[in-house]
Amino acid sequence: FTLIREGKLAASWPLEQDELLARLQKSCEMQSLATDYNALFVGEACSVPPYRSAWVEGSSEAEVRAFLSEHGIPTGEGPADHLGSLLLAASWLEDHAAEDQTETLELLFADYILPWCGTMLGKVEAHAHTPFWRTMAPLTRDAIAAMWDELQEEDEQ
């Protein structure tokens, strides 16, 4: 949050989203962010579960964990099907994978992130009470779309 609060994230952010980043910076009041975060994402009664298994019928956390493990992607102890965990897995793959694992990264996006993240992030926008989380949703959606577009462009080359 320090980079956001101090307005320094834009310098290293790869997308042209200065307006959204400025809106985030203006809405960094920690107590209200924490309260909204908990209502949105934490516990059985949360309004927007951040887990693939909550959005994709018939899916499970174990299925995601198996896919990640099969491809040598570290999973940690938290739920592997959490959107944050999946985005960390994508980042790890991009940084550590051999060139021949581009297909794995595409599969991660096509099968495990894209089918549900748009709906989930739309719900975040609809249910968030703070401008921060209402802004974080489109910012995240745009970043995921840009990563997918980049993968598709690499395929075409």
Protein backbone atom coordinates (compact mmCIF):
# COMPACT_ATOMS: atom_id res chain seq x y z
CA PHE A 1 0.00 0.00 0.00
CA THR A 2 2.96 2.31 0.52
CA LEU A 3 3.65 2.63 -3.23
CA ILE A 4 -0.03 3.34 -3.88
CA ARG A 5 -0.39 5.80 -1.00
CA GLU A 6 2.76 7.70 -2.03
CA GLY A 7 1.79 7.74 -5.71
CA LYS A 8 4.86 5.75 -6.75
CA LEU A 9 3.13 2.74 -8.32
CA ALA A 10 2.54 4.53 -11.63
CA ALA A 11 6.30 4.72 -12.27
CA SER A 12 6.58 0.93 -12.42
CA TRP A 13 3.06 0.05 -13.60
CA PRO A 14 3.24 -1.31 -17.18
CA LEU A 15 -0.16 -0.01 -18.33
CA GLU A 16 -1.39 3.52 -18.99
CA GLN A 17 -3.87 3.71 -16.12
CA ASP A 18 -2.83 6.93 -14.41
CA GLU A 19 -6.40 7.99 -13.66
CA LEU A 20 -7.20 4.71 -11.90
CA LEU A 21 -3.90 4.76 -10.02
CA ALA A 22 -4.56 8.34 -8.87
CA ARG A 23 -8.02 7.28 -7.68
CA LEU A 24 -6.44 4.42 -5.70
CA GLN A 25 -3.96 6.82 -4.13
CA LYS A 26 -6.77 9.09 -2.93
CA SER A 27 -8.63 6.22 -1.26
CA CYS A 28 -6.03 4.53 0.97
CA GLU A 29 -7.69 4.86 4.37
CA MET A 30 -6.59 1.58 5.97
CA GLN A 31 -9.47 1.00 8.40
CA SER A 32 -12.20 1.33 5.76
CA LEU A 33 -10.13 -0.73 3.28
CA ALA A 34 -9.72 -3.53 5.80
CA THR A 35 -13.41 -3.50 6.70
CA ASP A 36 -14.44 -3.59 3.03
CA TYR A 37 -11.84 -6.28 2.23
CA ASN A 38 -13.21 -8.52 4.97
CA ALA A 39 -16.80 -8.04 3.84
CA LEU A 40 -15.90 -8.70 0.21
CA PHE A 41 -13.46 -11.60 0.47
CA VAL A 42 -13.21 -13.19 3.93
CA GLY A 43 -15.29 -15.95 5.49
CA GLU A 44 -18.30 -18.00 4.56
CA ALA A 45 -20.58 -14.95 4.36
CA CYS A 46 -18.28 -12.90 2.13
CA SER A 47 -19.98 -11.21 -0.80
CA VAL A 48 -17.30 -12.03 -3.42
CA PRO A 49 -15.33 -15.24 -2.83
CA PRO A 50 -11.89 -14.87 -4.48
CA TYR A 51 -11.68 -18.59 -5.28
CA ARG A 52 -12.05 -20.24 -8.68
CA SER A 53 -13.95 -23.10 -7.05
CA ALA A 54 -16.70 -20.66 -6.04
CA TRP A 55 -17.22 -19.51 -9.64
CA VAL A 56 -16.49 -22.49 -11.90
CA GLU A 57 -18.96 -25.31 -11.46
CA GLY A 58 -17.34 -28.64 -10.69
CA SER A 59 -13.91 -27.17 -10.04
CA SER A 60 -11.88 -27.64 -6.90
CA GLU A 61 -8.87 -26.15 -5.19
CA ALA A 62 -7.17 -29.55 -5.43
CA GLU A 63 -7.49 -29.50 -9.22
CA VAL A 64 -5.69 -26.14 -9.39
CA ARG A 65 -3.03 -27.25 -6.91
CA ALA A 66 -2.39 -30.39 -8.97
CA PHE A 67 -1.99 -28.37 -12.18
CA LEU A 68 0.44 -25.95 -10.55
CA SER A 69 2.46 -28.75 -8.92
CA GLU A 70 2.58 -30.74 -12.15
CA HIS A 71 4.24 -27.76 -13.82
CA GLY A 72 6.68 -27.05 -10.97
CA ILE A 73 4.95 -23.87 -9.84
CA PRO A 74 5.25 -23.25 -6.07
CA THR A 75 1.87 -23.20 -4.35
CA GLY A 76 2.43 -22.25 -0.73
CA GLU A 77 0.01 -23.17 2.04
CA GLY A 78 -2.94 -20.94 1.10
CA PRO A 79 -5.71 -21.92 -1.31
CA ALA A 80 -4.19 -22.43 -4.76
CA ASP A 81 -7.40 -21.32 -6.50
CA HIS A 82 -7.41 -17.85 -4.91
CA LEU A 83 -7.16 -15.17 -7.63
CA GLY A 84 -4.10 -13.69 -5.94
CA SER A 85 -2.40 -17.09 -5.84
CA LEU A 86 -3.16 -17.68 -9.51
CA LEU A 87 -1.75 -14.28 -10.49
CA LEU A 88 1.37 -14.99 -8.42
CA ALA A 89 1.67 -18.33 -10.23
CA ALA A 90 1.43 -16.54 -13.58
CA SER A 91 4.09 -14.06 -12.50
CA TRP A 92 6.34 -16.87 -11.27
CA LEU A 93 5.92 -18.75 -14.54
CA GLU A 94 6.76 -15.65 -16.55
CA ASP A 95 9.90 -15.05 -14.48
CA HIS A 96 11.15 -18.61 -14.04
CA ALA A 97 9.79 -20.78 -16.79
CA ALA A 98 11.70 -21.93 -19.80
CA GLU A 99 10.60 -20.70 -23.21
CA ASP A 100 8.80 -23.97 -23.86
CA GLN A 101 6.45 -23.27 -20.94
CA THR A 102 4.59 -20.44 -22.67
CA GLU A 103 1.91 -23.04 -23.33
CA THR A 104 1.62 -23.65 -19.57
CA LEU A 105 1.16 -19.93 -18.97
CA GLU A 106 -1.52 -19.79 -21.66
CA LEU A 107 -3.25 -22.80 -20.10
CA LEU A 108 -3.11 -21.16 -16.67
CA PHE A 109 -4.88 -18.10 -18.07
CA ALA A 110 -7.30 -19.89 -20.41
CA ASP A 111 -8.43 -22.59 -17.98
CA TYR A 112 -7.80 -21.27 -14.50
CA ILE A 113 -8.05 -17.45 -14.55
CA LEU A 114 -10.04 -16.05 -17.49
CA PRO A 115 -13.23 -18.15 -17.24
CA TRP A 116 -14.23 -16.57 -13.94
CA CYS A 117 -12.14 -13.52 -13.04
CA GLY A 118 -14.21 -11.04 -15.08
CA THR A 119 -17.41 -12.04 -13.30
CA MET A 120 -15.71 -12.01 -9.92
CA LEU A 121 -14.15 -8.58 -10.50
CA GLY A 122 -17.52 -7.24 -11.69
CA LYS A 123 -19.01 -8.37 -8.38
CA VAL A 124 -16.18 -6.60 -6.54
CA GLU A 125 -17.12 -3.36 -8.31
CA ALA A 126 -20.79 -3.88 -7.50
CA HIS A 127 -20.37 -4.84 -3.84
CA ALA A 128 -17.41 -2.71 -2.71
CA HIS A 129 -18.19 0.16 -0.39
CA THR A 130 -14.85 1.93 -0.80
CA PRO A 131 -13.53 3.67 -3.91
CA PHE A 132 -10.29 1.71 -3.48
CA TRP A 133 -11.83 -1.72 -4.14
CA ARG A 134 -14.20 -0.33 -6.80
CA THR A 135 -11.08 0.96 -8.56
CA MET A 136 -8.89 -2.08 -7.93
CA ALA A 137 -11.36 -4.30 -9.81
CA PRO A 138 -11.08 -2.62 -13.25
CA LEU A 139 -7.37 -2.06 -12.71
CA THR A 140 -6.94 -5.80 -12.15
CA ARG A 141 -9.24 -6.71 -15.04
CA ASP A 142 -7.25 -4.47 -17.42
CA ALA A 143 -3.93 -5.92 -16.23
CA ILE A 144 -5.15 -9.50 -16.73
CA ALA A 145 -6.47 -8.61 -20.20
CA ALA A 146 -3.13 -7.02 -21.11
CA MET A 147 -1.23 -10.12 -19.96
CA TRP A 148 -3.53 -12.35 -22.02
CA ASP A 149 -3.19 -10.10 -25.07
CA GLU A 150 0.60 -10.24 -24.74
CA LEU A 151 0.49 -14.04 -24.63
CA GLN A 152 -1.68 -14.11 -27.73
CA GLU A 153 0.68 -11.76 -29.58
CA GLU A 154 3.62 -14.01 -28.69
CA ASP A 155 1.69 -16.94 -30.16
CA GLU A 156 1.18 -15.12 -33.43
CA GLN A 157 4.91 -14.47 -33.82
